[in-house]
């Protein structure tokens, strides 16, 4: 007598758990996609580069030491070198950013 009752409760519990799981999955799929991290700087270059913009280009802090700046410059330049299909303009901006952060500014802006 008790066995059909226990079997019925088990079926009802399984049905409710399945219903809750389907609702949770639909709510999960319907949520808006929010990027977790913005990787790239949105905006153009300034007429004269400052330390903030140079740090954003190389991906380091404004107060980074010369060794970190050189490592970041190498990493970014390898990815954007004109000989490897990159842009001459971006390469000049990367070089200018390294010069600004190391204190070797070349006198006002890039060649482009």
PDB file of N, CA and C in Angstrom:
ATOM      1  N   UNK A   1       0.818  -1.184   0.000  1.00  0.00           N
ATOM      2  CA  UNK A   1       0.000   0.000   0.000  1.00  0.00           C
ATOM      3  C   UNK A   1       0.865   1.252   0.000  1.00  0.00           C
ATOM      4  N   UNK A   2       1.961   1.249   0.705  1.00  0.00           N
ATOM      5  CA  UNK A   2       2.813   2.424   0.800  1.00  0.00           C
ATOM      6  C   UNK A   2       3.686   2.580  -0.451  1.00  0.00           C
ATOM      7  N   UNK A   3       3.963   1.496  -1.142  1.00  0.00           N
ATOM      8  CA  UNK A   3       4.843   1.561  -2.303  1.00  0.00           C
ATOM      9  C   UNK A   3       4.274   2.430  -3.423  1.00  0.00           C
ATOM     10  N   UNK A   4       3.015   2.314  -3.800  1.00  0.00           N
ATOM     11  CA  UNK A   4       2.487   3.196  -4.848  1.00  0.00           C
ATOM     12  C   UNK A   4       2.518   4.677  -4.423  1.00  0.00           C
ATOM     13  N   UNK A   5       2.311   4.941  -3.126  1.00  0.00           N
ATOM     14  CA  UNK A   5       2.346   6.320  -2.638  1.00  0.00           C
ATOM     15  C   UNK A   5       3.749   6.900  -2.764  1.00  0.00           C
ATOM     16  N   UNK A   6       4.760   6.133  -2.370  1.00  0.00           N
ATOM     17  CA  UNK A   6       6.154   6.594  -2.458  1.00  0.00           C
ATOM     18  C   UNK A   6       6.551   6.778  -3.922  1.00  0.00           C
ATOM     19  N   UNK A   7       6.137   5.871  -4.797  1.00  0.00           N
ATOM     20  CA  UNK A   7       6.443   5.975  -6.219  1.00  0.00           C
ATOM     21  C   UNK A   7       5.786   7.218  -6.810  1.00  0.00           C
ATOM     22  N   UNK A   8       4.552   7.512  -6.410  1.00  0.00           N
ATOM     23  CA  UNK A   8       3.851   8.706  -6.900  1.00  0.00           C
ATOM     24  C   UNK A   8       4.530   9.980  -6.449  1.00  0.00           C
ATOM     25  N   UNK A   9       4.973  10.021  -5.181  1.00  0.00           N
ATOM     26  CA  UNK A   9       5.681  11.207  -4.686  1.00  0.00           C
ATOM     27  C   UNK A   9       7.016  11.385  -5.418  1.00  0.00           C
ATOM     28  N   UNK A  10       7.696  10.289  -5.697  1.00  0.00           N
ATOM     29  CA  UNK A  10       8.964  10.375  -6.412  1.00  0.00           C
ATOM     30  C   UNK A  10       8.767  10.906  -7.833  1.00  0.00           C
ATOM     31  N   UNK A  11       7.721  10.449  -8.508  1.00  0.00           N
ATOM     32  CA  UNK A  11       7.428  10.937  -9.861  1.00  0.00           C
ATOM     33  C   UNK A  11       7.072  12.421  -9.824  1.00  0.00           C
ATOM     34  N   UNK A  12       6.286  12.835  -8.844  1.00  0.00           N
ATOM     35  CA  UNK A  12       5.894  14.243  -8.725  1.00  0.00           C
ATOM     36  C   UNK A  12       7.118  15.118  -8.437  1.00  0.00           C
ATOM     37  N   UNK A  13       8.000  14.661  -7.549  1.00  0.00           N
ATOM     38  CA  UNK A  13       9.205  15.427  -7.228  1.00  0.00           C
ATOM     39  C   UNK A  13      10.118  15.540  -8.448  1.00  0.00           C
ATOM     40  N   UNK A  14      10.243  14.468  -9.219  1.00  0.00           N
ATOM     41  CA  UNK A  14      11.070  14.495 -10.425  1.00  0.00           C
ATOM     42  C   UNK A  14      10.490  15.463 -11.451  1.00  0.00           C
ATOM     43  N   UNK A  15       9.174  15.478 -11.591  1.00  0.00           N
ATOM     44  CA  UNK A  15       8.526  16.377 -12.541  1.00  0.00           C
ATOM     45  C   UNK A  15       8.726  17.833 -12.129  1.00  0.00           C
ATOM     46  N   UNK A  16       8.587  18.132 -10.830  1.00  0.00           N
ATOM     47  CA  UNK A  16       8.791  19.506 -10.368  1.00  0.00           C
ATOM     48  C   UNK A  16      10.252  19.939 -10.536  1.00  0.00           C
ATOM     49  N   UNK A  17      11.181  19.035 -10.257  1.00  0.00           N
ATOM     50  CA  UNK A  17      12.597  19.366 -10.422  1.00  0.00           C
ATOM     51  C   UNK A  17      12.921  19.599 -11.892  1.00  0.00           C
ATOM     52  N   UNK A  18      12.369  18.798 -12.774  1.00  0.00           N
ATOM     53  CA  UNK A  18      12.581  18.993 -14.210  1.00  0.00           C
ATOM     54  C   UNK A  18      12.008  20.312 -14.691  1.00  0.00           C
ATOM     55  N   UNK A  19      10.820  20.644 -14.212  1.00  0.00           N
ATOM     56  CA  UNK A  19      10.181  21.909 -14.591  1.00  0.00           C
ATOM     57  C   UNK A  19      11.028  23.086 -14.129  1.00  0.00           C
ATOM     58  N   UNK A  20      11.518  23.021 -12.885  1.00  0.00           N
ATOM     59  CA  UNK A  20      12.362  24.087 -12.354  1.00  0.00           C
ATOM     60  C   UNK A  20      13.664  24.189 -13.147  1.00  0.00           C
ATOM     61  N   UNK A  21      14.238  23.071 -13.519  1.00  0.00           N
ATOM     62  CA  UNK A  21      15.477  23.068 -14.306  1.00  0.00           C
ATOM     63  C   UNK A  21      15.280  23.693 -15.677  1.00  0.00           C
ATOM     64  N   UNK A  22      14.171  23.385 -16.330  1.00  0.00           N
ATOM     65  CA  UNK A  22      13.881  23.970 -17.647  1.00  0.00           C
ATOM     66  C   UNK A  22      13.680  25.471 -17.532  1.00  0.00           C
ATOM     67  N   UNK A  23      12.964  25.923 -16.532  1.00  0.00           N
ATOM     68  CA  UNK A  23      12.758  27.361 -16.330  1.00  0.00           C
ATOM     69  C   UNK A  23      14.078  28.077 -16.042  1.00  0.00           C
ATOM     70  N   UNK A  24      14.917  27.463 -15.241  1.00  0.00           N
ATOM     71  CA  UNK A  24      16.203  28.070 -14.928  1.00  0.00           C
ATOM     72  C   UNK A  24      17.076  28.151 -16.184  1.00  0.00           C
ATOM     73  N   UNK A  25      17.078  27.120 -17.014  1.00  0.00           N
ATOM     74  CA  UNK A  25      17.863  27.131 -18.238  1.00  0.00           C
ATOM     75  C   UNK A  25      17.371  28.205 -19.209  1.00  0.00           C
ATOM     76  N   UNK A  26      16.052  28.362 -19.335  1.00  0.00           N
ATOM     77  CA  UNK A  26      15.503  29.382 -20.212  1.00  0.00           C
ATOM     78  C   UNK A  26      15.844  30.786 -19.711  1.00  0.00           C
ATOM     79  N   UNK A  27      15.803  30.990 -18.408  1.00  0.00           N
ATOM     80  CA  UNK A  27      16.179  32.286 -17.847  1.00  0.00           C
ATOM     81  C   UNK A  27      17.663  32.556 -18.079  1.00  0.00           C
ATOM     82  N   UNK A  28      18.489  31.534 -17.989  1.00  0.00           N
ATOM     83  CA  UNK A  28      19.926  31.681 -18.221  1.00  0.00           C
ATOM     84  C   UNK A  28      20.210  32.056 -19.677  1.00  0.00           C
ATOM     85  N   UNK A  29      19.529  31.400 -20.606  1.00  0.00           N
ATOM     86  CA  UNK A  29      19.733  31.692 -22.019  1.00  0.00           C
ATOM     87  C   UNK A  29      19.199  33.063 -22.408  1.00  0.00           C
ATOM     88  N   UNK A  30      18.182  33.562 -21.725  1.00  0.00           N
ATOM     89  CA  UNK A  30      17.548  34.827 -22.085  1.00  0.00           C
ATOM     90  C   UNK A  30      18.273  36.038 -21.522  1.00  0.00           C
ATOM     91  N   UNK A  31      19.243  35.827 -20.633  1.00  0.00           N
ATOM     92  CA  UNK A  31      19.929  36.974 -20.027  1.00  0.00           C
ATOM     93  C   UNK A  31      20.768  37.687 -21.071  1.00  0.00           C
ATOM     94  N   UNK A  32      20.951  38.993 -20.939  1.00  0.00           N
ATOM     95  CA  UNK A  32      21.747  39.726 -21.929  1.00  0.00           C
ATOM     96  C   UNK A  32      23.231  39.376 -21.808  1.00  0.00           C
ATOM     97  N   UNK A  33      23.900  39.379 -22.935  1.00  0.00           N
ATOM     98  CA  UNK A  33      25.324  39.076 -22.956  1.00  0.00           C
ATOM     99  C   UNK A  33      26.083  40.347 -22.604  1.00  0.00           C
ATOM    100  N   UNK A  34      26.827  40.294 -21.525  1.00  0.00           N
ATOM    101  CA  UNK A  34      27.597  41.434 -21.062  1.00  0.00           C
ATOM    102  C   UNK A  34      29.069  41.058 -21.143  1.00  0.00           C
ATOM    103  N   UNK A  35      29.858  41.839 -21.868  1.00  0.00           N
ATOM    104  CA  UNK A  35      31.281  41.501 -21.914  1.00  0.00           C
ATOM    105  C   UNK A  35      31.912  41.654 -20.541  1.00  0.00           C
ATOM    106  N   UNK A  36      32.722  40.717 -20.183  1.00  0.00           N
ATOM    107  CA  UNK A  36      33.340  40.734 -18.862  1.00  0.00           C
ATOM    108  C   UNK A  36      34.505  41.704 -18.793  1.00  0.00           C
ATOM    109  N   UNK A  37      35.195  41.898 -19.904  1.00  0.00           N
ATOM    110  CA  UNK A  37      36.351  42.769 -19.889  1.00  0.00           C
ATOM    111  C   UNK A  37      36.469  43.464 -21.239  1.00  0.00           C
ATOM    112  N   UNK A  38      36.707  44.748 -21.210  1.00  0.00           N
ATOM    113  CA  UNK A  38      36.912  45.484 -22.441  1.00  0.00           C
ATOM    114  C   UNK A  38      38.404  45.460 -22.741  1.00  0.00           C
ATOM    115  N   UNK A  39      38.789  44.817 -23.829  1.00  0.00           N
ATOM    116  CA  UNK A  39      40.198  44.623 -24.122  1.00  0.00           C
ATOM    117  C   UNK A  39      40.834  45.805 -24.824  1.00  0.00           C
ATOM    118  N   UNK A  40      40.071  46.538 -25.610  1.00  0.00           N
ATOM    119  CA  UNK A  40      40.661  47.541 -26.446  1.00  0.00           C
ATOM    120  C   UNK A  40      40.207  48.938 -26.050  1.00  0.00           C
ATOM    121  N   UNK A  41      41.078  49.884 -26.245  1.00  0.00           N
ATOM    122  CA  UNK A  41      40.795  51.282 -25.989  1.00  0.00           C
ATOM    123  C   UNK A  41      39.888  51.805 -27.087  1.00  0.00           C
ATOM    124  N   UNK A  42      38.753  52.337 -26.714  1.00  0.00           N
ATOM    125  CA  UNK A  42      37.818  52.865 -27.693  1.00  0.00           C
ATOM    126  C   UNK A  42      38.055  54.354 -27.858  1.00  0.00           C
ATOM    127  N   UNK A  43      38.444  54.730 -29.025  1.00  0.00           N
ATOM    128  CA  UNK A  43      38.701  56.133 -29.298  1.00  0.00           C
ATOM    129  C   UNK A  43      39.945  56.284 -30.141  1.00  0.00           C
ATOM    130  N   UNK A  44      40.108  57.467 -30.722  1.00  0.00           N
ATOM    131  CA  UNK A  44      41.260  57.714 -31.575  1.00  0.00           C
ATOM    132  C   UNK A  44      42.454  58.209 -30.785  1.00  0.00           C
ATOM    133  N   UNK A  45      43.501  58.534 -31.522  1.00  0.00           N
ATOM    134  CA  UNK A  45      44.707  59.044 -30.902  1.00  0.00           C
ATOM    135  C   UNK A  45      44.585  60.543 -30.710  1.00  0.00           C
ATOM    136  N   UNK A  46      45.262  61.056 -29.691  1.00  0.00           N
ATOM    137  CA  UNK A  46      45.287  62.484 -29.436  1.00  0.00           C
ATOM    138  C   UNK A  46      46.366  63.123 -30.302  1.00  0.00           C
ATOM    139  N   UNK A  47      46.265  64.445 -30.574  1.00  0.00           N
ATOM    140  CA  UNK A  47      47.272  65.090 -31.435  1.00  0.00           C
ATOM    141  C   UNK A  47      48.694  64.970 -30.884  1.00  0.00           C
ATOM    142  N   UNK A  48      48.863  65.183 -29.590  1.00  0.00           N
ATOM    143  CA  UNK A  48      50.165  64.967 -28.967  1.00  0.00           C
ATOM    144  C   UNK A  48      49.985  63.911 -27.886  1.00  0.00           C
ATOM    145  N   UNK A  49      50.822  62.915 -27.916  1.00  0.00           N
ATOM    146  CA  UNK A  49      50.664  61.783 -27.007  1.00  0.00           C
ATOM    147  C   UNK A  49      51.101  62.155 -25.591  1.00  0.00           C
ATOM    148  N   UNK A  50      50.285  61.773 -24.619  1.00  0.00           N
ATOM    149  CA  UNK A  50      50.647  61.967 -23.216  1.00  0.00           C
ATOM    150  C   UNK A  50      50.934  60.603 -22.588  1.00  0.00           C
ATOM    151  N   UNK A  51      51.337  60.613 -21.323  1.00  0.00           N
ATOM    152  CA  UNK A  51      51.711  59.363 -20.652  1.00  0.00           C
ATOM    153  C   UNK A  51      50.524  58.413 -20.527  1.00  0.00           C
ATOM    154  N   UNK A  52      49.329  58.938 -20.317  1.00  0.00           N
ATOM    155  CA  UNK A  52      48.150  58.084 -20.170  1.00  0.00           C
ATOM    156  C   UNK A  52      47.874  57.319 -21.459  1.00  0.00           C
ATOM    157  N   UNK A  53      47.892  58.040 -22.582  1.00  0.00           N
ATOM    158  CA  UNK A  53      47.639  57.384 -23.857  1.00  0.00           C
ATOM    159  C   UNK A  53      48.742  56.385 -24.188  1.00  0.00           C
ATOM    160  N   UNK A  54      49.991  56.724 -23.892  1.00  0.00           N
ATOM    161  CA  UNK A  54      51.100  55.816 -24.142  1.00  0.00           C
ATOM    162  C   UNK A  54      50.953  54.538 -23.320  1.00  0.00           C
ATOM    163  N   UNK A  55      50.539  54.687 -22.068  1.00  0.00           N
ATOM    164  CA  UNK A  55      50.338  53.518 -21.214  1.00  0.00           C
ATOM    165  C   UNK A  55      49.194  52.656 -21.729  1.00  0.00           C
ATOM    166  N   UNK A  56      48.134  53.254 -22.252  1.00  0.00           N
ATOM    167  CA  UNK A  56      47.021  52.488 -22.815  1.00  0.00           C
ATOM    168  C   UNK A  56      47.458  51.726 -24.068  1.00  0.00           C
ATOM    169  N   UNK A  57      48.288  52.343 -24.885  1.00  0.00           N
ATOM    170  CA  UNK A  57      48.740  51.683 -26.108  1.00  0.00           C
ATOM    171  C   UNK A  57      49.587  50.457 -25.781  1.00  0.00           C
ATOM    172  N   UNK A  58      50.499  50.606 -24.819  1.00  0.00           N
ATOM    173  CA  UNK A  58      51.396  49.492 -24.496  1.00  0.00           C
ATOM    174  C   UNK A  58      50.806  48.514 -23.489  1.00  0.00           C
ATOM    175  N   UNK A  59      49.738  48.900 -22.806  1.00  0.00           N
ATOM    176  CA  UNK A  59      49.115  48.003 -21.844  1.00  0.00           C
ATOM    177  C   UNK A  59      49.862  47.908 -20.530  1.00  0.00           C
ATOM    178  N   UNK A  60      50.495  49.001 -20.114  1.00  0.00           N
ATOM    179  CA  UNK A  60      51.208  49.045 -18.839  1.00  0.00           C
ATOM    180  C   UNK A  60      50.687  50.230 -18.034  1.00  0.00           C
ATOM    181  N   UNK A  61      51.145  50.338 -16.806  1.00  0.00           N
ATOM    182  CA  UNK A  61      50.781  51.485 -15.979  1.00  0.00           C
ATOM    183  C   UNK A  61      51.625  52.688 -16.375  1.00  0.00           C
ATOM    184  N   UNK A  62      51.117  53.865 -16.065  1.00  0.00           N
ATOM    185  CA  UNK A  62      51.866  55.077 -16.374  1.00  0.00           C
ATOM    186  C   UNK A  62      53.186  55.131 -15.614  1.00  0.00           C
ATOM    187  N   UNK A  63      53.236  54.496 -14.458  1.00  0.00           N
ATOM    188  CA  UNK A  63      54.427  54.536 -13.621  1.00  0.00           C
ATOM    189  C   UNK A  63      55.314  53.300 -13.814  1.00  0.00           C
ATOM    190  N   UNK A  64      55.149  52.573 -14.909  1.00  0.00           N
ATOM    191  CA  UNK A  64      55.930  51.360 -15.143  1.00  0.00           C
ATOM    192  C   UNK A  64      57.396  51.707 -15.367  1.00  0.00           C
ATOM    193  N   UNK A  65      58.273  50.803 -14.924  1.00  0.00           N
ATOM    194  CA  UNK A  65      59.704  51.044 -15.107  1.00  0.00           C
ATOM    195  C   UNK A  65      60.096  50.768 -16.558  1.00  0.00           C
ATOM    196  N   UNK A  66      61.326  51.153 -16.911  1.00  0.00           N
ATOM    197  CA  UNK A  66      61.781  51.071 -18.302  1.00  0.00           C
ATOM    198  C   UNK A  66      61.805  49.632 -18.807  1.00  0.00           C
ATOM    199  N   UNK A  67      62.132  48.681 -17.941  1.00  0.00           N
ATOM    200  CA  UNK A  67      62.185  47.282 -18.374  1.00  0.00           C
ATOM    201  C   UNK A  67      60.800  46.768 -18.764  1.00  0.00           C
ATOM    202  N   UNK A  68      59.791  47.086 -17.964  1.00  0.00           N
ATOM    203  CA  UNK A  68      58.414  46.664 -18.289  1.00  0.00           C
ATOM    204  C   UNK A  68      57.948  47.329 -19.578  1.00  0.00           C
ATOM    205  N   UNK A  69      58.317  48.594 -19.763  1.00  0.00           N
ATOM    206  CA  UNK A  69      57.926  49.308 -20.983  1.00  0.00           C
ATOM    207  C   UNK A  69      58.569  48.642 -22.198  1.00  0.00           C
ATOM    208  N   UNK A  70      59.835  48.266 -22.102  1.00  0.00           N
ATOM    209  CA  UNK A  70      60.517  47.615 -23.219  1.00  0.00           C
ATOM    210  C   UNK A  70      59.892  46.256 -23.537  1.00  0.00           C
ATOM    211  N   UNK A  71      59.544  45.493 -22.507  1.00  0.00           N
ATOM    212  CA  UNK A  71      58.902  44.189 -22.729  1.00  0.00           C
ATOM    213  C   UNK A  71      57.543  44.362 -23.406  1.00  0.00           C
ATOM    214  N   UNK A  72      56.760  45.330 -22.908  1.00  0.00           N
ATOM    215  CA  UNK A  72      55.435  45.576 -23.489  1.00  0.00           C
ATOM    216  C   UNK A  72      55.572  46.074 -24.922  1.00  0.00           C
ATOM    217  N   UNK A  73      56.565  46.933 -25.174  1.00  0.00           N
ATOM    218  CA  UNK A  73      56.785  47.448 -26.526  1.00  0.00           C
ATOM    219  C   UNK A  73      57.107  46.299 -27.479  1.00  0.00           C
ATOM    220  N   UNK A  74      57.952  45.406 -27.045  1.00  0.00           N
ATOM    221  CA  UNK A  74      58.325  44.267 -27.895  1.00  0.00           C
ATOM    222  C   UNK A  74      57.113  43.396 -28.198  1.00  0.00           C
ATOM    223  N   UNK A  75      56.316  43.122 -27.171  1.00  0.00           N
ATOM    224  CA  UNK A  75      55.134  42.269 -27.339  1.00  0.00           C
ATOM    225  C   UNK A  75      54.126  42.902 -28.304  1.00  0.00           C
ATOM    226  N   UNK A  76      53.867  44.190 -28.132  1.00  0.00           N
ATOM    227  CA  UNK A  76      52.880  44.862 -28.977  1.00  0.00           C
ATOM    228  C   UNK A  76      53.427  45.055 -30.390  1.00  0.00           C
ATOM    229  N   UNK A  77      54.718  45.339 -30.497  1.00  0.00           N
ATOM    230  CA  UNK A  77      55.305  45.569 -31.820  1.00  0.00           C
ATOM    231  C   UNK A  77      55.355  44.286 -32.635  1.00  0.00           C
ATOM    232  N   UNK A  78      55.607  43.153 -32.000  1.00  0.00           N
ATOM    233  CA  UNK A  78      55.603  41.879 -32.726  1.00  0.00           C
ATOM    234  C   UNK A  78      54.224  41.623 -33.325  1.00  0.00           C
ATOM    235  N   UNK A  79      53.187  41.979 -32.605  1.00  0.00           N
ATOM    236  CA  UNK A  79      51.824  41.753 -33.097  1.00  0.00           C
ATOM    237  C   UNK A  79      51.419  42.735 -34.184  1.00  0.00           C
ATOM    238  N   UNK A  80      52.052  43.917 -34.237  1.00  0.00           N
ATOM    239  CA  UNK A  80      51.624  44.960 -35.173  1.00  0.00           C
ATOM    240  C   UNK A  80      52.736  45.434 -36.100  1.00  0.00           C
ATOM    241  N   UNK A  81      53.786  44.672 -36.278  1.00  0.00           N
ATOM    242  CA  UNK A  81      54.906  45.121 -37.104  1.00  0.00           C
ATOM    243  C   UNK A  81      54.503  45.168 -38.578  1.00  0.00           C
ATOM    244  N   UNK A  82      54.925  46.214 -39.304  1.00  0.00           N
ATOM    245  CA  UNK A  82      54.555  46.328 -40.725  1.00  0.00           C
ATOM    246  C   UNK A  82      55.066  45.173 -41.589  1.00  0.00           C
ATOM    247  N   UNK A  83      56.204  44.596 -41.244  1.00  0.00           N
ATOM    248  CA  UNK A  83      56.716  43.466 -42.023  1.00  0.00           C
ATOM    249  C   UNK A  83      55.862  42.214 -41.859  1.00  0.00           C
ATOM    250  N   UNK A  84      55.069  42.161 -40.793  1.00  0.00           N
ATOM    251  CA  UNK A  84      54.201  41.005 -40.545  1.00  0.00           C
ATOM    252  C   UNK A  84      52.747  41.324 -40.872  1.00  0.00           C
ATOM    253  N   UNK A  85      52.522  42.366 -41.675  1.00  0.00           N
ATOM    254  CA  UNK A  85      51.170  42.702 -42.087  1.00  0.00           C
ATOM    255  C   UNK A  85      50.515  43.777 -41.250  1.00  0.00           C
ATOM    256  N   UNK A  86      51.247  44.394 -40.340  1.00  0.00           N
ATOM    257  CA  UNK A  86      50.698  45.460 -39.506  1.00  0.00           C
ATOM    258  C   UNK A  86      50.742  46.805 -40.218  1.00  0.00           C
ATOM    259  N   UNK A  87      50.303  47.814 -39.526  1.00  0.00           N
ATOM    260  CA  UNK A  87      50.220  49.156 -40.085  1.00  0.00           C
ATOM    261  C   UNK A  87      51.456  49.967 -39.706  1.00  0.00           C
ATOM    262  N   UNK A  88      51.961  50.765 -40.674  1.00  0.00           N
ATOM    263  CA  UNK A  88      53.081  51.656 -40.386  1.00  0.00           C
ATOM    264  C   UNK A  88      52.671  52.724 -39.373  1.00  0.00           C
ATOM    265  N   UNK A  89      51.422  53.168 -39.478  1.00  0.00           N
ATOM    266  CA  UNK A  89      50.921  54.183 -38.558  1.00  0.00           C
ATOM    267  C   UNK A  89      50.891  53.656 -37.124  1.00  0.00           C
ATOM    268  N   UNK A  90      50.361  52.463 -36.944  1.00  0.00           N
ATOM    269  CA  UNK A  90      50.324  51.885 -35.593  1.00  0.00           C
ATOM    270  C   UNK A  90      51.722  51.619 -35.057  1.00  0.00           C
ATOM    271  N   UNK A  91      52.629  51.190 -35.923  1.00  0.00           N
ATOM    272  CA  UNK A  91      54.003  50.953 -35.485  1.00  0.00           C
ATOM    273  C   UNK A  91      54.645  52.257 -35.018  1.00  0.00           C
ATOM    274  N   UNK A  92      54.368  53.348 -35.720  1.00  0.00           N
ATOM    275  CA  UNK A  92      54.935  54.633 -35.292  1.00  0.00           C
ATOM    276  C   UNK A  92      54.333  55.072 -33.966  1.00  0.00           C
ATOM    277  N   UNK A  93      53.053  54.820 -33.764  1.00  0.00           N
ATOM    278  CA  UNK A  93      52.411  55.180 -32.496  1.00  0.00           C
ATOM    279  C   UNK A  93      52.946  54.321 -31.347  1.00  0.00           C
ATOM    280  N   UNK A  94      53.214  53.054 -31.604  1.00  0.00           N
ATOM    281  CA  UNK A  94      53.773  52.170 -30.576  1.00  0.00           C
ATOM    282  C   UNK A  94      55.173  52.637 -30.193  1.00  0.00           C
ATOM    283  N   UNK A  95      55.965  52.989 -31.197  1.00  0.00           N
ATOM    284  CA  UNK A  95      57.305  53.504 -30.914  1.00  0.00           C
ATOM    285  C   UNK A  95      57.241  54.825 -30.156  1.00  0.00           C
ATOM    286  N   UNK A  96      56.299  55.680 -30.536  1.00  0.00           N
ATOM    287  CA  UNK A  96      56.135  56.959 -29.839  1.00  0.00           C
ATOM    288  C   UNK A  96      55.710  56.726 -28.387  1.00  0.00           C
ATOM    289  N   UNK A  97      54.854  55.750 -28.151  1.00  0.00           N
ATOM    290  CA  UNK A  97      54.418  55.444 -26.785  1.00  0.00           C
ATOM    291  C   UNK A  97      55.600  54.985 -25.939  1.00  0.00           C
ATOM    292  N   UNK A  98      56.478  54.158 -26.520  1.00  0.00           N
ATOM    293  CA  UNK A  98      57.671  53.721 -25.784  1.00  0.00           C
ATOM    294  C   UNK A  98      58.562  54.914 -25.462  1.00  0.00           C
ATOM    295  N   UNK A  99      58.729  55.803 -26.422  1.00  0.00           N
ATOM    296  CA  UNK A  99      59.570  56.977 -26.194  1.00  0.00           C
ATOM    297  C   UNK A  99      58.988  57.884 -25.114  1.00  0.00           C
ATOM    298  N   UNK A 100      57.683  58.064 -25.107  1.00  0.00           N
ATOM    299  CA  UNK A 100      57.050  58.924 -24.098  1.00  0.00           C
ATOM    300  C   UNK A 100      57.223  58.325 -22.710  1.00  0.00           C
ATOM    301  N   UNK A 101      57.023  57.022 -22.584  1.00  0.00           N
ATOM    302  CA  UNK A 101      57.109  56.401 -21.264  1.00  0.00           C
ATOM    303  C   UNK A 101      58.543  56.260 -20.759  1.00  0.00           C
ATOM    304  N   UNK A 102      59.508  56.159 -21.660  1.00  0.00           N
ATOM    305  CA  UNK A 102      60.895  56.065 -21.210  1.00  0.00           C
ATOM    306  C   UNK A 102      61.553  57.439 -21.100  1.00  0.00           C
ATOM    307  N   UNK A 103      60.861  58.486 -21.551  1.00  0.00           N
ATOM    308  CA  UNK A 103      61.388  59.839 -21.426  1.00  0.00           C
ATOM    309  C   UNK A 103      62.220  60.282 -22.606  1.00  0.00           C
ATOM    310  N   UNK A 104      62.166  59.568 -23.709  1.00  0.00           N
ATOM    311  CA  UNK A 104      62.933  59.916 -24.906  1.00  0.00           C
ATOM    312  C   UNK A 104      62.008  60.444 -25.985  1.00  0.00           C
ATOM    313  N   UNK A 105      61.240  61.451 -25.706  1.00  0.00           N
ATOM    314  CA  UNK A 105      60.294  61.963 -26.705  1.00  0.00           C
ATOM    315  C   UNK A 105      61.063  62.547 -27.870  1.00  0.00           C
ATOM    316  N   UNK A 106      60.546  62.320 -29.062  1.00  0.00           N
ATOM    317  CA  UNK A 106      61.224  62.738 -30.284  1.00  0.00           C
ATOM    318  C   UNK A 106      60.760  64.101 -30.781  1.00  0.00           C
ATOM    319  N   UNK A 107      60.097  64.833 -30.008  1.00  0.00           N
ATOM    320  CA  UNK A 107      59.704  66.169 -30.431  1.00  0.00           C
ATOM    321  C   UNK A 107      58.396  66.240 -31.174  1.00  0.00           C
ATOM    322  N   UNK A 108      57.342  65.883 -30.533  1.00  0.00           N
ATOM    323  CA  UNK A 108      56.000  66.217 -30.958  1.00  0.00           C
ATOM    324  C   UNK A 108      55.340  65.399 -32.027  1.00  0.00           C
ATOM    325  N   UNK A 109      54.833  64.287 -31.707  1.00  0.00           N
ATOM    326  CA  UNK A 109      53.935  63.562 -32.582  1.00  0.00           C
ATOM    327  C   UNK A 109      54.626  62.570 -33.497  1.00  0.00           C
ATOM    328  N   UNK A 110      53.803  61.801 -34.186  1.00  0.00           N
ATOM    329  CA  UNK A 110      54.323  60.770 -35.073  1.00  0.00           C
ATOM    330  C   UNK A 110      54.588  61.348 -36.442  1.00  0.00           C
ATOM    331  N   UNK A 111      55.163  60.553 -37.315  1.00  0.00           N
ATOM    332  CA  UNK A 111      55.478  60.988 -38.670  1.00  0.00           C
ATOM    333  C   UNK A 111      54.242  61.053 -39.548  1.00  0.00           C
ATOM    334  N   UNK A 112      53.129  60.495 -39.101  1.00  0.00           N
ATOM    335  CA  UNK A 112      51.927  60.454 -39.928  1.00  0.00           C
ATOM    336  C   UNK A 112      50.965  61.501 -39.503  1.00  0.00           C
TER     337      UNK A 112
END
